[in-house]
Amino acid sequence: DSVILPNVDIGRNVHLRRVIVEKNCKIPEGLKVGFDPVEDSKRFYVTDKGITLITPEMLGQKVYYLR
């Protein structure tokens, strides 16, 4: 029930439910997202329907794009 875009590195023991993970994210080991919308909204964007968006910037990761 989640969408994981290309080039995503997911650590061990990660639990994702109703999550969209943007490309080039590195999901840290043990992260649990999609189970507590109030807690998730402190760090990520949560829609009105309870879907959580994770981007590299939200994880504190800088991704540079070359043009």
C-alpha atoms as a PDB file:
ATOM      1  CA  ASP A   1       0.000   0.000   0.000  1.00  0.00           C
ATOM      2  CA  SER A   2       3.024   2.273  -0.466  1.00  0.00           C
ATOM      3  CA  VAL A   3       4.734   3.745  -3.514  1.00  0.00           C
ATOM      4  CA  ILE A   4       8.519   3.600  -3.605  1.00  0.00           C
ATOM      5  CA  LEU A   5      10.074   5.559  -6.471  1.00  0.00           C
ATOM      6  CA  PRO A   6      13.403   4.583  -8.126  1.00  0.00           C
ATOM      7  CA  ASN A   7      16.794   4.759  -6.425  1.00  0.00           C
ATOM      8  CA  VAL A   8      15.489   4.426  -2.867  1.00  0.00           C
ATOM      9  CA  ASP A   9      17.680   2.697  -0.289  1.00  0.00           C
ATOM     10  CA  ILE A  10      15.642   1.149   2.530  1.00  0.00           C
ATOM     11  CA  GLY A  11      17.411   0.145   5.740  1.00  0.00           C
ATOM     12  CA  ARG A  12      16.649  -2.915   7.840  1.00  0.00           C
ATOM     13  CA  ASN A  13      13.551  -3.170  10.025  1.00  0.00           C
ATOM     14  CA  VAL A  14      11.754  -0.320   8.245  1.00  0.00           C
ATOM     15  CA  HIS A  15       7.939  -0.317   8.414  1.00  0.00           C
ATOM     16  CA  LEU A  16       6.019   1.784   5.881  1.00  0.00           C
ATOM     17  CA  ARG A  17       2.237   1.985   5.503  1.00  0.00           C
ATOM     18  CA  ARG A  18       0.422   4.259   3.032  1.00  0.00           C
ATOM     19  CA  VAL A  19       3.623   6.113   2.209  1.00  0.00           C
ATOM     20  CA  ILE A  20       5.014   7.684  -0.952  1.00  0.00           C
ATOM     21  CA  VAL A  21       8.815   7.760  -0.941  1.00  0.00           C
ATOM     22  CA  GLU A  22      10.402  10.176  -3.411  1.00  0.00           C
ATOM     23  CA  LYS A  23      13.333   9.020  -5.537  1.00  0.00           C
ATOM     24  CA  ASN A  24      16.873   9.074  -4.135  1.00  0.00           C
ATOM     25  CA  CYS A  25      15.802   8.746  -0.478  1.00  0.00           C
ATOM     26  CA  LYS A  26      17.840   6.753   2.001  1.00  0.00           C
ATOM     27  CA  ILE A  27      15.360   5.411   4.546  1.00  0.00           C
ATOM     28  CA  PRO A  28      17.250   4.890   7.821  1.00  0.00           C
ATOM     29  CA  GLU A  29      17.211   1.601   9.671  1.00  0.00           C
ATOM     30  CA  GLY A  30      14.251   1.119  12.003  1.00  0.00           C
ATOM     31  CA  LEU A  31      12.106   3.972  10.647  1.00  0.00           C
ATOM     32  CA  LYS A  32       8.371   3.453  11.167  1.00  0.00           C
ATOM     33  CA  VAL A  33       6.031   5.692   9.151  1.00  0.00           C
ATOM     34  CA  GLY A  34       2.317   5.538   8.440  1.00  0.00           C
ATOM     35  CA  PHE A  35       1.129   4.211  11.784  1.00  0.00           C
ATOM     36  CA  ASP A  36       0.769   7.457  13.784  1.00  0.00           C
ATOM     37  CA  PRO A  37      -0.313  10.434  11.605  1.00  0.00           C
ATOM     38  CA  VAL A  38       0.180  12.965  14.411  1.00  0.00           C
ATOM     39  CA  GLU A  39       3.780  11.871  14.964  1.00  0.00           C
ATOM     40  CA  ASP A  40       4.417  11.558  11.208  1.00  0.00           C
ATOM     41  CA  SER A  41       3.173  15.109  10.574  1.00  0.00           C
ATOM     42  CA  LYS A  42       5.937  16.486  12.805  1.00  0.00           C
ATOM     43  CA  ARG A  43       8.532  15.349  10.279  1.00  0.00           C
ATOM     44  CA  PHE A  44       6.719  14.528   7.023  1.00  0.00           C
ATOM     45  CA  TYR A  45       3.757  15.768   4.983  1.00  0.00           C
ATOM     46  CA  VAL A  46       0.550  13.819   5.716  1.00  0.00           C
ATOM     47  CA  THR A  47      -2.494  14.279   3.462  1.00  0.00           C
ATOM     48  CA  ASP A  48      -6.065  14.574   4.735  1.00  0.00           C
ATOM     49  CA  LYS A  49      -6.577  10.933   3.715  1.00  0.00           C
ATOM     50  CA  GLY A  50      -3.596   9.777   5.777  1.00  0.00           C
ATOM     51  CA  ILE A  51      -0.991   9.255   3.049  1.00  0.00           C
ATOM     52  CA  THR A  52       2.509  10.286   4.098  1.00  0.00           C
ATOM     53  CA  LEU A  53       5.037  11.820   1.693  1.00  0.00           C
ATOM     54  CA  ILE A  54       8.748  11.314   2.358  1.00  0.00           C
ATOM     55  CA  THR A  55      11.361  13.338   0.462  1.00  0.00           C
ATOM     56  CA  PRO A  56      15.145  13.374   0.896  1.00  0.00           C
ATOM     57  CA  GLU A  57      14.947  16.896   2.351  1.00  0.00           C
ATOM     58  CA  MET A  58      12.505  15.718   5.027  1.00  0.00           C
ATOM     59  CA  LEU A  59      15.066  13.084   6.013  1.00  0.00           C
ATOM     60  CA  GLY A  60      17.812  15.724   6.193  1.00  0.00           C
ATOM     61  CA  GLN A  61      19.452  14.433   3.018  1.00  0.00           C
ATOM     62  CA  LYS A  62      20.689  16.767   0.327  1.00  0.00           C
ATOM     63  CA  VAL A  63      20.202  15.585  -3.221  1.00  0.00           C
ATOM     64  CA  TYR A  64      21.843  17.548  -5.991  1.00  0.00           C
ATOM     65  CA  TYR A  65      20.595  17.414  -9.551  1.00  0.00           C
ATOM     66  CA  LEU A  66      22.890  18.147 -12.473  1.00  0.00           C
ATOM     67  CA  ARG A  67      21.475  19.976 -15.463  1.00  0.00           C
END
